[in-house]
Amino acid sequence: MSNWPAVLVASVGTYALKLLGILVPERVLNHPLVRRVALLMPVTLLAALVVLQTFSTGTRFVLDARAAGLAAALVAVICRAPFLVVVVAACVTSALVRLLT
């Protein structure tokens, strides 16, 4: 079965959503609550993505080397390490856990 109908529906939906964003009155966009939600939305979506990619495989909950890498990254962030150090710490930790298991 072809995926083209789904691609076309998603494309039209995305375009319609962008068009609705342009049509929203400026007074609504300048409301403090809307501004605050808009500022926090990327952080929320990124956190949800990290949790899903770390603790799930398909529809199952898993606890593997990815969780250890996330824990190492969290420790590095708490220690205020630079971004590159955070990423390297997570990668090295995950690799070592995979090597040892």
C-alpha atoms as a PDB file:
ATOM      1  CA  MET A   1       0.000   0.000   0.000  1.00  0.00           C
ATOM      2  CA  SER A   2       1.245   3.464  -0.849  1.00  0.00           C
ATOM      3  CA  ASN A   3       2.220   6.033   1.770  1.00  0.00           C
ATOM      4  CA  TRP A   4       1.409   8.954  -0.516  1.00  0.00           C
ATOM      5  CA  PRO A   5      -2.086   9.641   0.884  1.00  0.00           C
ATOM      6  CA  ALA A   6      -0.631   9.986   4.386  1.00  0.00           C
ATOM      7  CA  VAL A   7       2.167  12.237   3.115  1.00  0.00           C
ATOM      8  CA  LEU A   8      -0.319  14.455   1.267  1.00  0.00           C
ATOM      9  CA  VAL A   9      -2.676  14.698   4.263  1.00  0.00           C
ATOM     10  CA  ALA A  10       0.243  15.568   6.567  1.00  0.00           C
ATOM     11  CA  SER A  11       1.480  18.195   4.104  1.00  0.00           C
ATOM     12  CA  VAL A  12      -1.934  19.857   3.823  1.00  0.00           C
ATOM     13  CA  GLY A  13      -2.353  19.750   7.595  1.00  0.00           C
ATOM     14  CA  THR A  14       1.058  21.321   8.164  1.00  0.00           C
ATOM     15  CA  TYR A  15       0.351  24.077   5.665  1.00  0.00           C
ATOM     16  CA  ALA A  16      -3.051  24.762   7.238  1.00  0.00           C
ATOM     17  CA  LEU A  17      -1.505  24.947  10.710  1.00  0.00           C
ATOM     18  CA  LYS A  18       1.129  27.425   9.499  1.00  0.00           C
ATOM     19  CA  LEU A  19      -1.579  29.493   7.807  1.00  0.00           C
ATOM     20  CA  LEU A  20      -3.591  29.581  11.037  1.00  0.00           C
ATOM     21  CA  GLY A  21      -0.480  30.808  12.859  1.00  0.00           C
ATOM     22  CA  ILE A  22      -0.188  33.741  10.476  1.00  0.00           C
ATOM     23  CA  LEU A  23      -3.865  34.623  10.889  1.00  0.00           C
ATOM     24  CA  VAL A  24      -3.762  34.821  14.705  1.00  0.00           C
ATOM     25  CA  PRO A  25      -4.245  38.442  15.824  1.00  0.00           C
ATOM     26  CA  GLU A  26      -1.186  40.166  17.287  1.00  0.00           C
ATOM     27  CA  ARG A  27      -2.997  40.981  20.550  1.00  0.00           C
ATOM     28  CA  VAL A  28      -3.369  37.242  21.193  1.00  0.00           C
ATOM     29  CA  LEU A  29       0.322  36.611  20.514  1.00  0.00           C
ATOM     30  CA  ASN A  30       1.356  39.416  22.884  1.00  0.00           C
ATOM     31  CA  HIS A  31      -0.592  37.950  25.816  1.00  0.00           C
ATOM     32  CA  PRO A  32       1.880  37.017  28.629  1.00  0.00           C
ATOM     33  CA  LEU A  33       0.527  33.472  29.014  1.00  0.00           C
ATOM     34  CA  VAL A  34       0.828  32.771  25.288  1.00  0.00           C
ATOM     35  CA  ARG A  35       4.389  34.106  25.257  1.00  0.00           C
ATOM     36  CA  ARG A  36       5.363  31.978  28.252  1.00  0.00           C
ATOM     37  CA  VAL A  37       3.863  28.820  26.763  1.00  0.00           C
ATOM     38  CA  ALA A  38       5.564  29.518  23.429  1.00  0.00           C
ATOM     39  CA  LEU A  39       8.926  29.900  25.166  1.00  0.00           C
ATOM     40  CA  LEU A  40       8.552  26.658  27.136  1.00  0.00           C
ATOM     41  CA  MET A  41       7.157  24.516  24.306  1.00  0.00           C
ATOM     42  CA  PRO A  42      10.505  23.584  22.662  1.00  0.00           C
ATOM     43  CA  VAL A  43      11.980  22.512  26.005  1.00  0.00           C
ATOM     44  CA  THR A  44       8.929  20.382  26.764  1.00  0.00           C
ATOM     45  CA  LEU A  45       8.956  18.704  23.359  1.00  0.00           C
ATOM     46  CA  LEU A  46      12.696  18.002  23.584  1.00  0.00           C
ATOM     47  CA  ALA A  47      12.315  16.483  27.048  1.00  0.00           C
ATOM     48  CA  ALA A  48       9.488  14.241  25.835  1.00  0.00           C
ATOM     49  CA  LEU A  49      11.580  13.132  22.869  1.00  0.00           C
ATOM     50  CA  VAL A  50      14.565  12.313  25.095  1.00  0.00           C
ATOM     51  CA  VAL A  51      12.413  10.260  27.473  1.00  0.00           C
ATOM     52  CA  LEU A  52      10.749   8.328  24.649  1.00  0.00           C
ATOM     53  CA  GLN A  53      14.030   7.600  22.879  1.00  0.00           C
ATOM     54  CA  THR A  54      15.763   6.584  26.112  1.00  0.00           C
ATOM     55  CA  PHE A  55      13.186   4.384  27.788  1.00  0.00           C
ATOM     56  CA  SER A  56      11.215   2.779  24.969  1.00  0.00           C
ATOM     57  CA  THR A  57      11.674   0.380  22.118  1.00  0.00           C
ATOM     58  CA  GLY A  58       8.547   0.405  20.029  1.00  0.00           C
ATOM     59  CA  THR A  59       5.763   0.014  22.558  1.00  0.00           C
ATOM     60  CA  ARG A  60       7.849  -1.566  25.335  1.00  0.00           C
ATOM     61  CA  PHE A  61       9.594   0.055  28.305  1.00  0.00           C
ATOM     62  CA  VAL A  62      13.308  -0.755  28.401  1.00  0.00           C
ATOM     63  CA  LEU A  63      16.115   0.054  30.785  1.00  0.00           C
ATOM     64  CA  ASP A  64      19.449  -0.351  29.029  1.00  0.00           C
ATOM     65  CA  ALA A  65      22.686   1.490  28.265  1.00  0.00           C
ATOM     66  CA  ARG A  66      20.791   4.525  27.013  1.00  0.00           C
ATOM     67  CA  ALA A  67      19.510   5.191  30.527  1.00  0.00           C
ATOM     68  CA  ALA A  68      23.059   5.081  31.889  1.00  0.00           C
ATOM     69  CA  GLY A  69      24.140   7.543  29.197  1.00  0.00           C
ATOM     70  CA  LEU A  70      21.286   9.863  30.094  1.00  0.00           C
ATOM     71  CA  ALA A  71      22.258   9.662  33.766  1.00  0.00           C
ATOM     72  CA  ALA A  72      25.864  10.556  32.899  1.00  0.00           C
ATOM     73  CA  ALA A  73      24.649  13.479  30.802  1.00  0.00           C
ATOM     74  CA  LEU A  74      22.480  14.664  33.677  1.00  0.00           C
ATOM     75  CA  VAL A  75      25.445  14.585  36.054  1.00  0.00           C
ATOM     76  CA  ALA A  76      27.532  16.543  33.542  1.00  0.00           C
ATOM     77  CA  VAL A  77      24.775  19.136  33.137  1.00  0.00           C
ATOM     78  CA  ILE A  78      24.433  19.493  36.916  1.00  0.00           C
ATOM     79  CA  CYS A  79      28.217  20.050  37.065  1.00  0.00           C
ATOM     80  CA  ARG A  80      27.760  22.775  34.398  1.00  0.00           C
ATOM     81  CA  ALA A  81      29.968  21.032  31.866  1.00  0.00           C
ATOM     82  CA  PRO A  82      30.085  22.363  28.294  1.00  0.00           C
ATOM     83  CA  PHE A  83      27.663  20.817  25.813  1.00  0.00           C
ATOM     84  CA  LEU A  84      30.350  18.799  24.035  1.00  0.00           C
ATOM     85  CA  VAL A  85      31.487  17.289  27.333  1.00  0.00           C
ATOM     86  CA  VAL A  86      27.876  16.347  28.152  1.00  0.00           C
ATOM     87  CA  VAL A  87      27.480  14.569  24.817  1.00  0.00           C
ATOM     88  CA  VAL A  88      30.836  12.772  25.077  1.00  0.00           C
ATOM     89  CA  ALA A  89      30.106  11.671  28.658  1.00  0.00           C
ATOM     90  CA  ALA A  90      26.754  10.220  27.580  1.00  0.00           C
ATOM     91  CA  CYS A  91      28.292   8.433  24.579  1.00  0.00           C
ATOM     92  CA  VAL A  92      31.225   6.990  26.492  1.00  0.00           C
ATOM     93  CA  THR A  93      29.012   5.839  29.357  1.00  0.00           C
ATOM     94  CA  SER A  94      26.542   4.153  27.005  1.00  0.00           C
ATOM     95  CA  ALA A  95      29.361   2.481  25.108  1.00  0.00           C
ATOM     96  CA  LEU A  96      30.996   1.175  28.271  1.00  0.00           C
ATOM     97  CA  VAL A  97      27.710  -0.205  29.608  1.00  0.00           C
ATOM     98  CA  ARG A  98      27.056  -1.952  26.273  1.00  0.00           C
ATOM     99  CA  LEU A  99      30.591  -3.331  26.291  1.00  0.00           C
ATOM    100  CA  LEU A 100      30.253  -4.707  29.813  1.00  0.00           C
ATOM    101  CA  THR A 101      26.813  -6.286  29.309  1.00  0.00           C
END
